[in-house]
Amino acid sequence: MMKPIHEILVFVEPECVSCERVLNTVKVIKLNFEVDQLVVINRAADPEYCRRLGVIIFPATFINGQLAFYGDFSVEEAQRFAQKV
């Protein structure tokens, strides 16, 4: 059983195949596990926010406020990370 995730924050950029895969993964997580909030930030729409948080590699995924992954990851990897934070 996965403990609740308060927030998943995903930084993506346009025309990024890896970003699309990550978005699909987090949608599966949101559908199958308890996730309070899923926020997607597109670099093209909000580059200043990305800079403020120091995100320069896309996709970047934060779980419960902590950087969890750069690039692709599996549902299982997200589960393991969420258990630690």
Protein backbone atom coordinates (compact mmCIF):
# COMPACT_ATOMS: atom_id res chain seq x y z
CA MET A 1 0.00 0.00 0.00
CA MET A 2 1.40 3.37 -1.02
CA LYS A 3 1.19 6.13 1.54
CA PRO A 4 -0.65 9.28 0.40
CA ILE A 5 1.12 11.76 -1.85
CA HIS A 6 0.27 15.35 -1.05
CA GLU A 7 1.60 16.81 -4.28
CA ILE A 8 3.20 15.77 -7.53
CA LEU A 9 4.74 18.70 -9.39
CA VAL A 10 5.92 17.98 -12.94
CA PHE A 11 7.97 20.40 -15.03
CA VAL A 12 7.70 19.80 -18.77
CA GLU A 13 8.63 21.55 -22.00
CA PRO A 14 6.95 21.62 -25.42
CA GLU A 15 7.54 18.80 -27.90
CA CYS A 16 9.31 16.63 -25.33
CA VAL A 17 8.65 12.91 -25.80
CA SER A 18 10.03 12.06 -22.36
CA CYS A 19 7.77 14.71 -20.83
CA GLU A 20 4.72 13.07 -22.43
CA ARG A 21 5.72 9.68 -21.00
CA VAL A 22 6.15 11.19 -17.54
CA LEU A 23 2.75 12.88 -17.77
CA ASN A 24 1.19 9.52 -18.63
CA THR A 25 2.94 7.90 -15.65
CA VAL A 26 1.76 10.54 -13.17
CA LYS A 27 -1.80 10.28 -14.52
CA VAL A 28 -1.72 6.53 -13.80
CA ILE A 29 -0.40 7.27 -10.29
CA LYS A 30 -3.16 9.85 -9.70
CA LEU A 31 -5.85 7.41 -10.87
CA ASN A 32 -4.61 4.46 -8.82
CA PHE A 33 -3.25 5.99 -5.62
CA GLU A 34 -4.14 8.74 -3.20
CA VAL A 35 -2.73 11.98 -4.65
CA ASP A 36 -4.04 15.27 -3.27
CA GLN A 37 -2.71 17.51 -6.02
CA LEU A 38 -1.09 17.11 -9.44
CA VAL A 39 0.46 20.27 -10.87
CA VAL A 40 2.05 20.49 -14.32
CA ILE A 41 4.27 23.46 -15.13
CA ASN A 42 5.15 24.03 -18.77
CA ARG A 43 8.49 25.81 -19.24
CA ALA A 44 7.13 27.71 -22.24
CA ALA A 45 4.22 29.07 -20.19
CA ASP A 46 6.13 29.88 -16.99
CA PRO A 47 9.91 30.00 -17.52
CA GLU A 48 10.43 32.29 -14.52
CA TYR A 49 8.92 29.76 -12.11
CA CYS A 50 11.22 27.07 -13.50
CA ARG A 51 14.24 29.36 -13.04
CA ARG A 52 13.22 30.26 -9.49
CA LEU A 53 13.13 26.59 -8.54
CA GLY A 54 16.34 25.86 -10.43
CA VAL A 55 14.73 23.45 -12.88
CA ILE A 56 16.87 23.31 -16.02
CA ILE A 57 16.39 19.65 -17.02
CA PHE A 58 13.02 18.49 -18.31
CA PRO A 59 11.00 16.61 -17.33
CA ALA A 60 11.59 17.11 -13.63
CA THR A 61 9.22 15.58 -11.08
CA PHE A 62 8.88 16.60 -7.46
CA ILE A 63 6.97 14.45 -4.99
CA ASN A 64 5.87 16.05 -1.72
CA GLY A 65 8.21 18.98 -2.30
CA GLN A 66 11.35 16.95 -3.00
CA LEU A 67 13.02 16.39 -6.35
CA ALA A 68 12.21 12.78 -7.19
CA PHE A 69 13.20 12.29 -10.84
CA TYR A 70 14.73 13.87 -13.90
CA GLY A 71 13.44 12.08 -16.99
CA ASP A 72 11.31 8.97 -17.18
CA PHE A 73 10.37 6.81 -14.21
CA SER A 74 7.96 3.98 -13.54
CA VAL A 75 4.97 3.82 -11.23
CA GLU A 76 6.96 1.40 -9.08
CA GLU A 77 9.90 3.82 -8.79
CA ALA A 78 7.48 6.58 -7.74
CA GLN A 79 5.98 4.27 -5.12
CA ARG A 80 9.42 3.54 -3.66
CA PHE A 81 10.31 7.24 -3.59
CA ALA A 82 6.99 8.22 -1.96
CA GLN A 83 7.56 5.70 0.83
CA LYS A 84 10.81 7.49 1.74
CA VAL A 85 9.49 11.07 1.88
